Amino acid sequence: MGNPNLLPYETIVRATSGEPEAVDEVLRHYSRRIRITAIENGHSDRDTEDSIKSRLVAALFKFRFDEHEA
């Protein structure tokens, strides 16, 4: 059994191929960490949170798996 703190490999593969449901699952998985990271002066900064989410999605679409793996 895998680590429950990690997203399933299949979800990552689907998200990198642009499947909207998988991308949403990735964002939901990291939402708490994103909110915590976006805290400035004791308050969540919505612009920072949106920026982190945008960069995460952009990184998903740039990610390429090594064809010799899996």
N, C-alpha and C. Protein backbone atom coordinates (compact mmCIF):
# COMPACT_ATOMS: atom_id res chain seq x y z
N MET A 1 0.85 -1.18 0.00
CA MET A 1 0.00 0.00 0.00
C MET A 1 0.89 1.24 0.00
N GLY A 2 0.47 2.26 -0.78
CA GLY A 2 1.27 3.47 -0.91
C GLY A 2 1.12 4.40 0.27
N ASN A 3 1.91 5.43 0.24
CA ASN A 3 1.89 6.47 1.26
C ASN A 3 0.63 7.33 1.07
N PRO A 4 -0.23 7.41 2.08
CA PRO A 4 -1.48 8.18 1.94
C PRO A 4 -1.24 9.69 1.80
N ASN A 5 -0.03 10.16 2.09
CA ASN A 5 0.28 11.58 1.95
C ASN A 5 0.68 11.95 0.54
N LEU A 6 0.83 10.94 -0.33
CA LEU A 6 1.25 11.19 -1.70
C LEU A 6 0.08 10.98 -2.66
N LEU A 7 0.09 11.73 -3.73
CA LEU A 7 -0.90 11.51 -4.78
C LEU A 7 -0.54 10.24 -5.53
N PRO A 8 -1.54 9.50 -5.98
CA PRO A 8 -1.24 8.32 -6.80
C PRO A 8 -0.52 8.70 -8.09
N TYR A 9 0.39 7.86 -8.51
CA TYR A 9 1.16 8.07 -9.73
C TYR A 9 0.22 8.34 -10.91
N GLU A 10 -0.84 7.58 -11.01
CA GLU A 10 -1.78 7.71 -12.12
C GLU A 10 -2.42 9.10 -12.16
N THR A 11 -2.67 9.67 -10.99
CA THR A 11 -3.24 11.01 -10.93
C THR A 11 -2.26 12.03 -11.49
N ILE A 12 -1.00 11.89 -11.15
CA ILE A 12 0.03 12.80 -11.67
C ILE A 12 0.12 12.67 -13.19
N VAL A 13 0.12 11.45 -13.69
CA VAL A 13 0.20 11.23 -15.14
C VAL A 13 -0.99 11.89 -15.83
N ARG A 14 -2.19 11.68 -15.30
CA ARG A 14 -3.39 12.28 -15.89
C ARG A 14 -3.34 13.80 -15.83
N ALA A 15 -2.86 14.34 -14.71
CA ALA A 15 -2.77 15.80 -14.55
C ALA A 15 -1.78 16.40 -15.53
N THR A 16 -0.65 15.74 -15.74
CA THR A 16 0.35 16.27 -16.67
C THR A 16 -0.14 16.23 -18.11
N SER A 17 -1.11 15.36 -18.39
CA SER A 17 -1.67 15.31 -19.74
C SER A 17 -2.83 16.29 -19.90
N GLY A 18 -3.17 17.02 -18.82
CA GLY A 18 -4.18 18.08 -18.91
C GLY A 18 -5.58 17.67 -18.53
N GLU A 19 -5.78 16.50 -17.96
CA GLU A 19 -7.12 16.09 -17.57
C GLU A 19 -7.61 16.99 -16.43
N PRO A 20 -8.69 17.74 -16.66
CA PRO A 20 -9.14 18.73 -15.67
C PRO A 20 -9.42 18.14 -14.28
N GLU A 21 -10.04 16.97 -14.23
CA GLU A 21 -10.36 16.38 -12.93
C GLU A 21 -9.09 16.04 -12.15
N ALA A 22 -8.07 15.58 -12.85
CA ALA A 22 -6.81 15.24 -12.20
C ALA A 22 -6.08 16.50 -11.73
N VAL A 23 -6.12 17.56 -12.54
CA VAL A 23 -5.51 18.83 -12.13
C VAL A 23 -6.21 19.35 -10.87
N ASP A 24 -7.53 19.28 -10.84
CA ASP A 24 -8.28 19.70 -9.65
C ASP A 24 -7.90 18.85 -8.44
N GLU A 25 -7.70 17.56 -8.65
CA GLU A 25 -7.31 16.68 -7.55
C GLU A 25 -5.94 17.08 -6.99
N VAL A 26 -5.02 17.43 -7.87
CA VAL A 26 -3.70 17.88 -7.42
C VAL A 26 -3.83 19.17 -6.61
N LEU A 27 -4.62 20.11 -7.11
CA LEU A 27 -4.81 21.38 -6.40
C LEU A 27 -5.47 21.16 -5.04
N ARG A 28 -6.47 20.27 -5.00
CA ARG A 28 -7.12 19.96 -3.71
C ARG A 28 -6.13 19.32 -2.74
N HIS A 29 -5.29 18.42 -3.27
CA HIS A 29 -4.33 17.73 -2.42
C HIS A 29 -3.37 18.71 -1.75
N TYR A 30 -2.95 19.73 -2.48
CA TYR A 30 -1.98 20.70 -1.96
C TYR A 30 -2.62 21.97 -1.42
N SER A 31 -3.95 22.05 -1.39
CA SER A 31 -4.62 23.30 -1.03
C SER A 31 -4.24 23.79 0.37
N ARG A 32 -4.16 22.91 1.33
CA ARG A 32 -3.81 23.34 2.69
C ARG A 32 -2.39 23.89 2.74
N ARG A 33 -1.47 23.22 2.08
CA ARG A 33 -0.08 23.69 2.06
C ARG A 33 0.03 25.03 1.34
N ILE A 34 -0.73 25.17 0.28
CA ILE A 34 -0.72 26.43 -0.46
C ILE A 34 -1.25 27.56 0.41
N ARG A 35 -2.36 27.31 1.11
CA ARG A 35 -2.93 28.34 2.01
C ARG A 35 -1.93 28.75 3.08
N ILE A 36 -1.26 27.77 3.67
CA ILE A 36 -0.29 28.06 4.73
C ILE A 36 0.88 28.87 4.17
N THR A 37 1.33 28.50 2.99
CA THR A 37 2.45 29.21 2.37
C THR A 37 2.08 30.64 2.00
N ALA A 38 0.80 30.87 1.71
CA ALA A 38 0.35 32.19 1.28
C ALA A 38 0.04 33.14 2.44
N ILE A 39 0.29 32.71 3.65
CA ILE A 39 0.02 33.59 4.80
C ILE A 39 1.08 34.67 4.89
N GLU A 40 0.60 35.91 4.96
CA GLU A 40 1.47 37.07 5.13
C GLU A 40 0.89 37.93 6.24
N ASN A 41 1.69 38.28 7.20
CA ASN A 41 1.25 39.10 8.33
C ASN A 41 0.04 38.49 9.04
N GLY A 42 0.02 37.19 9.13
CA GLY A 42 -1.05 36.51 9.85
C GLY A 42 -2.34 36.30 9.08
N HIS A 43 -2.36 36.72 7.82
CA HIS A 43 -3.57 36.58 7.00
C HIS A 43 -3.21 35.93 5.67
N SER A 44 -4.13 35.11 5.17
CA SER A 44 -3.93 34.48 3.87
C SER A 44 -4.03 35.54 2.79
N ASP A 45 -3.04 35.60 1.94
CA ASP A 45 -3.01 36.55 0.83
C ASP A 45 -3.53 35.83 -0.42
N ARG A 46 -4.70 36.23 -0.90
CA ARG A 46 -5.36 35.55 -2.02
C ARG A 46 -4.53 35.63 -3.30
N ASP A 47 -3.88 36.76 -3.53
CA ASP A 47 -3.06 36.90 -4.73
C ASP A 47 -1.88 35.93 -4.70
N THR A 48 -1.26 35.79 -3.55
CA THR A 48 -0.15 34.86 -3.40
C THR A 48 -0.63 33.43 -3.61
N GLU A 49 -1.78 33.11 -3.02
CA GLU A 49 -2.36 31.78 -3.16
C GLU A 49 -2.65 31.48 -4.65
N ASP A 50 -3.23 32.42 -5.35
CA ASP A 50 -3.52 32.24 -6.78
C ASP A 50 -2.23 32.09 -7.60
N SER A 51 -1.21 32.84 -7.22
CA SER A 51 0.06 32.75 -7.92
C SER A 51 0.70 31.37 -7.74
N ILE A 52 0.65 30.85 -6.54
CA ILE A 52 1.21 29.51 -6.27
C ILE A 52 0.45 28.46 -7.07
N LYS A 53 -0.87 28.56 -7.08
CA LYS A 53 -1.68 27.60 -7.84
C LYS A 53 -1.35 27.67 -9.32
N SER A 54 -1.21 28.87 -9.85
CA SER A 54 -0.89 29.03 -11.27
C SER A 54 0.46 28.42 -11.61
N ARG A 55 1.44 28.63 -10.73
CA ARG A 55 2.77 28.06 -10.98
C ARG A 55 2.75 26.55 -10.86
N LEU A 56 1.94 26.00 -9.95
CA LEU A 56 1.82 24.55 -9.82
C LEU A 56 1.22 23.95 -11.09
N VAL A 57 0.16 24.55 -11.60
CA VAL A 57 -0.47 24.05 -12.82
C VAL A 57 0.50 24.16 -14.01
N ALA A 58 1.19 25.27 -14.11
CA ALA A 58 2.17 25.44 -15.20
C ALA A 58 3.26 24.37 -15.11
N ALA A 59 3.71 24.08 -13.90
CA ALA A 59 4.75 23.05 -13.72
C ALA A 59 4.21 21.67 -14.11
N LEU A 60 2.96 21.41 -13.82
CA LEU A 60 2.36 20.13 -14.21
C LEU A 60 2.42 19.95 -15.72
N PHE A 61 2.08 20.99 -16.46
CA PHE A 61 2.04 20.89 -17.91
C PHE A 61 3.43 20.84 -18.55
N LYS A 62 4.45 21.29 -17.83
CA LYS A 62 5.82 21.22 -18.33
C LYS A 62 6.50 19.90 -17.99
N PHE A 63 5.96 19.20 -16.99
CA PHE A 63 6.61 17.98 -16.50
C PHE A 63 6.56 16.89 -17.56
N ARG A 64 7.70 16.22 -17.74
CA ARG A 64 7.79 15.11 -18.68
C ARG A 64 8.39 13.92 -17.95
N PHE A 65 7.77 12.77 -18.16
CA PHE A 65 8.27 11.54 -17.56
C PHE A 65 9.38 10.98 -18.43
N ASP A 66 10.37 10.38 -17.80
CA ASP A 66 11.43 9.71 -18.53
C ASP A 66 10.81 8.48 -19.19
N GLU A 67 10.93 8.35 -20.49
CA GLU A 67 10.28 7.25 -21.20
C GLU A 67 10.83 5.89 -20.82
N HIS A 68 11.98 5.83 -20.15
CA HIS A 68 12.57 4.56 -19.75
C HIS A 68 12.07 4.12 -18.39
N GLU A 69 11.29 4.96 -17.70
CA GLU A 69 10.76 4.63 -16.38
C GLU A 69 9.40 3.96 -16.51
N ALA A 70 8.94 3.46 -15.40
CA ALA A 70 7.61 2.84 -15.26
C ALA A 70 7.60 1.56 -16.01
